[in-house]
Amino acid sequence: MREAKRWVAVAGVPLSAAPGEKLSLQVRYPDQRFKQLDITVTRKKYPSQRLSVPRDQAELDPEQMKRFEQEREHLREVLRTFSDSSPRSLAMREPVAGPRSGSFGSRRIINGEPRSPHSGMDIAARSGEPVLAASAGRVVDVGEYLFLGRTVILDHGQGFLTLYSHLSEVNAAPGDMVTSGTIIGKVGATGRATGPHLHFSVYLNTAAVDPAFFLGDTP
């Protein structure tokens, strides 16, 4: 995207990348020239979070597992969305006001068993509080998922997407164009949630990245 008098690009590195791993980034110029940049992944320590939840919320029966696998494949496809338009800005507004109750990258230990790192930011808020679009974009998915509950996903352009989940109510439909601050839903506890809050994720080219970078926080 164009910022001031220069071009700015951001690339997502997945949490699964190991410290010391070598990654290659290709830059294509308007005259079709390519430049390759080599990147070394550095170590980043994330906190651990221990949760105790009822057994039926921590484990899946065969039918639930089948549903989960289908939903995971659907979400993978949605997160591959890439539109030609550039994001209007990389700076985002808070989708809802409230304290951070769960940070990106934290390793969740549920009932004593380690789980996948947290792919977003949890923001504690009262049930029914309006959830706002963090930036202008297009609604690319609305659904109710086993773990995420009622969810809205926005495409901001160039592989830059945001996800809002555990909503009690959805006020958007696929294809809707929204501006920054548009109400797209309300805070809830749908899906596998222990209480009302917003799970907010940011994706760059399918990789979940820390939303704090785009909200002006210090990660």
C-alpha atoms as a PDB file:
ATOM      1  CA  MET A   1       0.000   0.000   0.000  1.00  0.00           C
ATOM      2  CA  ARG A   2       1.048   3.620  -0.528  1.00  0.00           C
ATOM      3  CA  GLU A   3       1.975   5.483   2.653  1.00  0.00           C
ATOM      4  CA  ALA A   4       3.183   9.083   2.381  1.00  0.00           C
ATOM      5  CA  LYS A   5       5.630   8.945  -0.561  1.00  0.00           C
ATOM      6  CA  ARG A   6       6.689   5.329  -0.281  1.00  0.00           C
ATOM      7  CA  TRP A   7       5.298   1.845  -0.689  1.00  0.00           C
ATOM      8  CA  VAL A   8       4.817  -0.263   2.429  1.00  0.00           C
ATOM      9  CA  ALA A   9       4.193  -4.001   2.605  1.00  0.00           C
ATOM     10  CA  VAL A  10       3.741  -6.379   5.507  1.00  0.00           C
ATOM     11  CA  ALA A  11       4.038 -10.161   5.447  1.00  0.00           C
ATOM     12  CA  GLY A  12       2.741 -12.662   7.974  1.00  0.00           C
ATOM     13  CA  VAL A  13       4.928 -15.316   9.567  1.00  0.00           C
ATOM     14  CA  PRO A  14       2.941 -18.251  11.000  1.00  0.00           C
ATOM     15  CA  LEU A  15       3.287 -19.213  14.652  1.00  0.00           C
ATOM     16  CA  SER A  16       4.435 -22.636  13.468  1.00  0.00           C
ATOM     17  CA  ALA A  17       7.681 -21.139  12.085  1.00  0.00           C
ATOM     18  CA  ALA A  18      10.651 -22.315  14.162  1.00  0.00           C
ATOM     19  CA  PRO A  19      13.352 -19.966  15.503  1.00  0.00           C
ATOM     20  CA  GLY A  20      16.280 -19.931  13.074  1.00  0.00           C
ATOM     21  CA  GLU A  21      14.101 -21.023  10.137  1.00  0.00           C
ATOM     22  CA  LYS A  22      14.973 -19.304   6.846  1.00  0.00           C
ATOM     23  CA  LEU A  23      12.132 -17.721   4.870  1.00  0.00           C
ATOM     24  CA  SER A  24      12.245 -16.059   1.450  1.00  0.00           C
ATOM     25  CA  LEU A  25      10.214 -12.986   0.552  1.00  0.00           C
ATOM     26  CA  GLN A  26       9.812 -11.979  -3.088  1.00  0.00           C
ATOM     27  CA  VAL A  27       9.202  -8.347  -4.019  1.00  0.00           C
ATOM     28  CA  ARG A  28       7.764  -7.593  -7.461  1.00  0.00           C
ATOM     29  CA  TYR A  29       8.245  -4.107  -8.864  1.00  0.00           C
ATOM     30  CA  PRO A  30       5.875  -2.358 -11.319  1.00  0.00           C
ATOM     31  CA  ASP A  31       8.334  -3.083 -14.155  1.00  0.00           C
ATOM     32  CA  GLN A  32       8.007  -6.819 -13.272  1.00  0.00           C
ATOM     33  CA  ARG A  33      11.495  -7.052 -11.717  1.00  0.00           C
ATOM     34  CA  PHE A  34      11.760  -9.415  -8.755  1.00  0.00           C
ATOM     35  CA  LYS A  35      13.883  -9.085  -5.666  1.00  0.00           C
ATOM     36  CA  GLN A  36      14.276 -11.855  -3.110  1.00  0.00           C
ATOM     37  CA  LEU A  37      14.793 -11.052   0.557  1.00  0.00           C
ATOM     38  CA  ASP A  38      15.973 -13.733   2.957  1.00  0.00           C
ATOM     39  CA  ILE A  39      14.512 -13.602   6.465  1.00  0.00           C
ATOM     40  CA  THR A  40      15.564 -15.504   9.572  1.00  0.00           C
ATOM     41  CA  VAL A  41      12.844 -16.218  12.131  1.00  0.00           C
ATOM     42  CA  THR A  42      13.852 -15.043  15.592  1.00  0.00           C
ATOM     43  CA  ARG A  43      12.668 -16.396  18.926  1.00  0.00           C
ATOM     44  CA  LYS A  44       9.603 -14.858  20.533  1.00  0.00           C
ATOM     45  CA  LYS A  45       8.372 -16.004  23.937  1.00  0.00           C
ATOM     46  CA  TYR A  46       4.618 -16.051  24.466  1.00  0.00           C
ATOM     47  CA  PRO A  47       2.827 -16.540  27.781  1.00  0.00           C
ATOM     48  CA  SER A  48       0.997 -19.685  28.828  1.00  0.00           C
ATOM     49  CA  GLN A  49      -2.614 -19.674  29.936  1.00  0.00           C
ATOM     50  CA  ARG A  50      -4.191 -22.455  32.010  1.00  0.00           C
ATOM     51  CA  LEU A  51      -7.918 -23.037  31.679  1.00  0.00           C
ATOM     52  CA  SER A  52     -10.273 -25.509  33.299  1.00  0.00           C
ATOM     53  CA  VAL A  53     -13.428 -26.226  31.307  1.00  0.00           C
ATOM     54  CA  PRO A  54     -16.087 -28.957  31.392  1.00  0.00           C
ATOM     55  CA  ARG A  55     -14.969 -32.172  29.704  1.00  0.00           C
ATOM     56  CA  ASP A  56     -17.657 -31.893  26.997  1.00  0.00           C
ATOM     57  CA  GLN A  57     -16.189 -28.512  25.981  1.00  0.00           C
ATOM     58  CA  ALA A  58     -12.605 -29.780  25.921  1.00  0.00           C
ATOM     59  CA  GLU A  59     -13.104 -32.988  23.960  1.00  0.00           C
ATOM     60  CA  LEU A  60     -14.933 -33.810  20.727  1.00  0.00           C
ATOM     61  CA  ASP A  61     -17.054 -36.846  19.992  1.00  0.00           C
ATOM     62  CA  PRO A  62     -16.842 -38.419  16.475  1.00  0.00           C
ATOM     63  CA  GLU A  63     -19.706 -36.312  15.058  1.00  0.00           C
ATOM     64  CA  GLN A  64     -18.233 -33.109  16.441  1.00  0.00           C
ATOM     65  CA  MET A  65     -14.809 -34.044  15.081  1.00  0.00           C
ATOM     66  CA  LYS A  66     -16.299 -34.523  11.615  1.00  0.00           C
ATOM     67  CA  ARG A  67     -17.972 -31.121  11.824  1.00  0.00           C
ATOM     68  CA  PHE A  68     -14.760 -29.523  13.082  1.00  0.00           C
ATOM     69  CA  GLU A  69     -12.717 -30.911  10.172  1.00  0.00           C
ATOM     70  CA  GLN A  70     -15.273 -29.644   7.648  1.00  0.00           C
ATOM     71  CA  GLU A  71     -15.339 -26.209   9.242  1.00  0.00           C
ATOM     72  CA  ARG A  72     -11.548 -26.033   9.401  1.00  0.00           C
ATOM     73  CA  GLU A  73     -11.251 -26.740   5.667  1.00  0.00           C
ATOM     74  CA  HIS A  74     -13.918 -24.134   4.891  1.00  0.00           C
ATOM     75  CA  LEU A  75     -12.139 -21.503   6.999  1.00  0.00           C
ATOM     76  CA  ARG A  76      -8.797 -22.333   5.375  1.00  0.00           C
ATOM     77  CA  GLU A  77     -10.378 -21.620   1.988  1.00  0.00           C
ATOM     78  CA  VAL A  78     -11.927 -18.345   3.197  1.00  0.00           C
ATOM     79  CA  LEU A  79      -8.595 -17.203   4.655  1.00  0.00           C
ATOM     80  CA  ARG A  80      -6.973 -17.687   1.237  1.00  0.00           C
ATOM     81  CA  THR A  81      -9.056 -14.762  -0.032  1.00  0.00           C
ATOM     82  CA  PHE A  82      -6.902 -12.297  -1.953  1.00  0.00           C
ATOM     83  CA  SER A  83      -8.390  -9.202  -3.595  1.00  0.00           C
ATOM     84  CA  ASP A  84      -6.488  -6.745  -5.764  1.00  0.00           C
ATOM     85  CA  SER A  85      -7.539  -3.597  -3.917  1.00  0.00           C
ATOM     86  CA  SER A  86      -5.062  -2.361  -1.316  1.00  0.00           C
ATOM     87  CA  PRO A  87      -6.032  -1.800   2.348  1.00  0.00           C
ATOM     88  CA  ARG A  88      -6.909   1.819   3.034  1.00  0.00           C
ATOM     89  CA  SER A  89      -4.731   1.722   6.121  1.00  0.00           C
ATOM     90  CA  LEU A  90      -2.798  -0.754   8.253  1.00  0.00           C
ATOM     91  CA  ALA A  91      -3.911   1.102  11.389  1.00  0.00           C
ATOM     92  CA  MET A  92      -7.124  -0.326  12.853  1.00  0.00           C
ATOM     93  CA  ARG A  93      -9.633   0.796  15.448  1.00  0.00           C
ATOM     94  CA  GLU A  94     -10.592  -1.306  18.456  1.00  0.00           C
ATOM     95  CA  PRO A  95     -13.503  -3.546  17.468  1.00  0.00           C
ATOM     96  CA  VAL A  96     -14.870  -3.287  21.024  1.00  0.00           C
ATOM     97  CA  ALA A  97     -13.687  -1.535  24.178  1.00  0.00           C
ATOM     98  CA  GLY A  98     -12.509  -3.713  27.015  1.00  0.00           C
ATOM     99  CA  PRO A  99      -9.506  -5.269  28.752  1.00  0.00           C
ATOM    100  CA  ARG A 100      -7.388  -7.851  26.959  1.00  0.00           C
ATOM    101  CA  SER A 101      -8.359 -11.195  28.459  1.00  0.00           C
ATOM    102  CA  GLY A 102      -6.258 -13.354  26.148  1.00  0.00           C
ATOM    103  CA  SER A 103      -3.174 -12.457  24.126  1.00  0.00           C
ATOM    104  CA  PHE A 104      -1.957 -13.618  20.742  1.00  0.00           C
ATOM    105  CA  GLY A 105       0.413 -16.568  20.736  1.00  0.00           C
ATOM    106  CA  SER A 106      -0.327 -17.672  24.286  1.00  0.00           C
ATOM    107  CA  ARG A 107      -0.111 -21.419  24.739  1.00  0.00           C
ATOM    108  CA  ARG A 108      -3.358 -22.645  26.219  1.00  0.00           C
ATOM    109  CA  ILE A 109      -3.252 -25.577  28.608  1.00  0.00           C
ATOM    110  CA  ILE A 110      -6.803 -26.879  28.929  1.00  0.00           C
ATOM    111  CA  ASN A 111      -7.487 -29.290  31.765  1.00  0.00           C
ATOM    112  CA  GLY A 112      -3.754 -29.950  31.929  1.00  0.00           C
ATOM    113  CA  GLU A 113      -3.303 -30.672  28.194  1.00  0.00           C
ATOM    114  CA  PRO A 114      -1.327 -28.257  25.930  1.00  0.00           C
ATOM    115  CA  ARG A 115      -3.311 -26.960  22.940  1.00  0.00           C
ATOM    116  CA  SER A 116      -2.503 -24.910  19.849  1.00  0.00           C
ATOM    117  CA  PRO A 117      -1.250 -21.341  20.407  1.00  0.00           C
ATOM    118  CA  HIS A 118      -3.938 -18.665  20.550  1.00  0.00           C
ATOM    119  CA  SER A 119      -4.412 -17.245  17.051  1.00  0.00           C
ATOM    120  CA  GLY A 120      -5.973 -13.948  18.082  1.00  0.00           C
ATOM    121  CA  MET A 121      -6.689 -11.459  20.838  1.00  0.00           C
ATOM    122  CA  ASP A 122      -9.519 -11.833  23.342  1.00  0.00           C
ATOM    123  CA  ILE A 123     -11.252  -8.654  24.480  1.00  0.00           C
ATOM    124  CA  ALA A 124     -13.544  -8.932  27.500  1.00  0.00           C
ATOM    125  CA  ALA A 125     -16.826  -7.047  27.151  1.00  0.00           C
ATOM    126  CA  ARG A 126     -20.436  -7.347  28.235  1.00  0.00           C
ATOM    127  CA  SER A 127     -22.760  -9.525  26.207  1.00  0.00           C
ATOM    128  CA  GLY A 128     -24.621  -7.429  23.652  1.00  0.00           C
ATOM    129  CA  GLU A 129     -21.939  -4.744  23.285  1.00  0.00           C
ATOM    130  CA  PRO A 130     -21.646  -3.641  19.621  1.00  0.00           C
ATOM    131  CA  VAL A 131     -18.701  -5.072  17.670  1.00  0.00           C
ATOM    132  CA  LEU A 132     -17.260  -2.686  15.079  1.00  0.00           C
ATOM    133  CA  ALA A 133     -15.395  -3.332  11.848  1.00  0.00           C
ATOM    134  CA  ALA A 134     -11.768  -2.563  12.680  1.00  0.00           C
ATOM    135  CA  SER A 135     -11.233  -1.170   9.178  1.00  0.00           C
ATOM    136  CA  ALA A 136     -13.114  -0.741   5.912  1.00  0.00           C
ATOM    137  CA  GLY A 137     -13.620  -3.944   3.980  1.00  0.00           C
ATOM    138  CA  ARG A 138     -15.926  -6.535   2.454  1.00  0.00           C
ATOM    139  CA  VAL A 139     -17.709  -9.295   4.359  1.00  0.00           C
ATOM    140  CA  VAL A 140     -16.402 -12.591   2.947  1.00  0.00           C
ATOM    141  CA  ASP A 141     -17.830 -15.054   5.472  1.00  0.00           C
ATOM    142  CA  VAL A 142     -20.554 -15.294   8.086  1.00  0.00           C
ATOM    143  CA  GLY A 143     -21.128 -18.555   9.924  1.00  0.00           C
ATOM    144  CA  GLU A 144     -21.690 -20.351  13.191  1.00  0.00           C
ATOM    145  CA  TYR A 145     -18.798 -22.649  14.024  1.00  0.00           C
ATOM    146  CA  LEU A 146     -18.227 -25.298  16.663  1.00  0.00           C
ATOM    147  CA  PHE A 147     -15.371 -23.512  18.423  1.00  0.00           C
ATOM    148  CA  LEU A 148     -15.669 -19.940  17.144  1.00  0.00           C
ATOM    149  CA  GLY A 149     -19.444 -19.631  17.433  1.00  0.00           C
ATOM    150  CA  ARG A 150     -21.084 -16.891  15.372  1.00  0.00           C
ATOM    151  CA  THR A 151     -18.329 -15.366  13.268  1.00  0.00           C
ATOM    152  CA  VAL A 152     -17.765 -12.611  10.712  1.00  0.00           C
ATOM    153  CA  ILE A 153     -14.686 -12.362   8.479  1.00  0.00           C
ATOM    154  CA  LEU A 154     -13.749  -9.183   6.600  1.00  0.00           C
ATOM    155  CA  ASP A 155     -11.436  -8.799   3.609  1.00  0.00           C
ATOM    156  CA  HIS A 156      -9.469  -5.532   3.635  1.00  0.00           C
ATOM    157  CA  GLY A 157      -7.489  -6.251   0.464  1.00  0.00           C
ATOM    158  CA  GLN A 158      -4.198  -7.872  -0.557  1.00  0.00           C
ATOM    159  CA  GLY A 159      -4.607 -10.874   1.769  1.00  0.00           C
ATOM    160  CA  PHE A 160      -5.318  -8.688   4.835  1.00  0.00           C
ATOM    161  CA  LEU A 161      -8.316 -10.147   6.735  1.00  0.00           C
ATOM    162  CA  THR A 162      -9.913  -9.787  10.171  1.00  0.00           C
ATOM    163  CA  LEU A 163     -12.070 -12.294  12.073  1.00  0.00           C
ATOM    164  CA  TYR A 164     -14.601 -11.575  14.841  1.00  0.00           C
ATOM    165  CA  SER A 165     -16.069 -14.514  16.758  1.00  0.00           C
ATOM    166  CA  HIS A 166     -18.207 -15.729  19.705  1.00  0.00           C
ATOM    167  CA  LEU A 167     -20.800 -13.146  18.639  1.00  0.00           C
ATOM    168  CA  SER A 168     -24.295 -13.259  20.154  1.00  0.00           C
ATOM    169  CA  GLU A 169     -25.705 -11.567  17.070  1.00  0.00           C
ATOM    170  CA  VAL A 170     -24.461 -10.932  13.526  1.00  0.00           C
ATOM    171  CA  ASN A 171     -25.367  -7.720  11.716  1.00  0.00           C
ATOM    172  CA  ALA A 172     -23.666  -8.377   8.380  1.00  0.00           C
ATOM    173  CA  ALA A 173     -24.022 -10.613   5.344  1.00  0.00           C
ATOM    174  CA  PRO A 174     -21.505 -11.954   2.796  1.00  0.00           C
ATOM    175  CA  GLY A 175     -20.806  -9.349   0.129  1.00  0.00           C
ATOM    176  CA  ASP A 176     -21.587  -6.346   2.345  1.00  0.00           C
ATOM    177  CA  MET A 177     -19.158  -3.440   2.062  1.00  0.00           C
ATOM    178  CA  VAL A 178     -18.486  -1.863   5.452  1.00  0.00           C
ATOM    179  CA  THR A 179     -16.625   1.202   6.623  1.00  0.00           C
ATOM    180  CA  SER A 180     -14.402   1.418   9.667  1.00  0.00           C
ATOM    181  CA  GLY A 181     -16.655   1.516  12.716  1.00  0.00           C
ATOM    182  CA  THR A 182     -19.669  -0.197  11.103  1.00  0.00           C
ATOM    183  CA  ILE A 183     -21.503  -2.428  13.600  1.00  0.00           C
ATOM    184  CA  ILE A 184     -21.125  -5.998  12.327  1.00  0.00           C
ATOM    185  CA  GLY A 185     -22.342  -7.885  15.400  1.00  0.00           C
ATOM    186  CA  LYS A 186     -22.609  -8.001  19.156  1.00  0.00           C
ATOM    187  CA  VAL A 187     -20.409  -9.530  21.855  1.00  0.00           C
ATOM    188  CA  GLY A 188     -21.472 -12.963  23.023  1.00  0.00           C
ATOM    189  CA  ALA A 189     -20.294 -16.360  24.222  1.00  0.00           C
ATOM    190  CA  THR A 190     -21.320 -18.626  21.345  1.00  0.00           C
ATOM    191  CA  GLY A 191     -19.160 -21.585  20.397  1.00  0.00           C
ATOM    192  CA  ARG A 192     -16.588 -22.854  22.885  1.00  0.00           C
ATOM    193  CA  ALA A 193     -16.364 -19.739  25.063  1.00  0.00           C
ATOM    194  CA  THR A 194     -16.133 -19.628  28.848  1.00  0.00           C
ATOM    195  CA  GLY A 195     -17.837 -16.217  29.022  1.00  0.00           C
ATOM    196  CA  PRO A 196     -18.789 -13.194  26.895  1.00  0.00           C
ATOM    197  CA  HIS A 197     -15.858 -11.736  24.981  1.00  0.00           C
ATOM    198  CA  LEU A 198     -14.703 -10.988  21.441  1.00  0.00           C
ATOM    199  CA  HIS A 199     -12.083 -13.166  19.823  1.00  0.00           C
ATOM    200  CA  PHE A 200     -10.389 -10.888  17.260  1.00  0.00           C
ATOM    201  CA  SER A 201      -7.879 -12.238  14.732  1.00  0.00           C
ATOM    202  CA  VAL A 202      -5.833 -10.621  11.969  1.00  0.00           C
ATOM    203  CA  TYR A 203      -4.506 -12.601   9.001  1.00  0.00           C
ATOM    204  CA  LEU A 204      -1.867 -11.727   6.413  1.00  0.00           C
ATOM    205  CA  ASN A 205      -1.815 -14.124   3.465  1.00  0.00           C
ATOM    206  CA  THR A 206      -3.394 -16.879   5.609  1.00  0.00           C
ATOM    207  CA  ALA A 207      -0.948 -16.437   8.539  1.00  0.00           C
ATOM    208  CA  ALA A 208      -2.440 -15.298  11.855  1.00  0.00           C
ATOM    209  CA  VAL A 209      -0.493 -12.293  13.183  1.00  0.00           C
ATOM    210  CA  ASP A 210      -0.683 -10.281  16.390  1.00  0.00           C
ATOM    211  CA  PRO A 211      -3.613  -7.789  16.229  1.00  0.00           C
ATOM    212  CA  ALA A 212      -1.757  -5.560  18.693  1.00  0.00           C
ATOM    213  CA  PHE A 213       0.537  -4.376  15.875  1.00  0.00           C
ATOM    214  CA  PHE A 214      -2.416  -2.874  14.031  1.00  0.00           C
ATOM    215  CA  LEU A 215      -4.228  -1.466  17.065  1.00  0.00           C
ATOM    216  CA  GLY A 216      -1.228   0.613  18.085  1.00  0.00           C
ATOM    217  CA  ASP A 217      -0.444  -1.554  21.129  1.00  0.00           C
ATOM    218  CA  THR A 218       3.042  -2.676  22.051  1.00  0.00           C
ATOM    219  CA  PRO A 219       3.080  -6.480  21.552  1.00  0.00           C
END
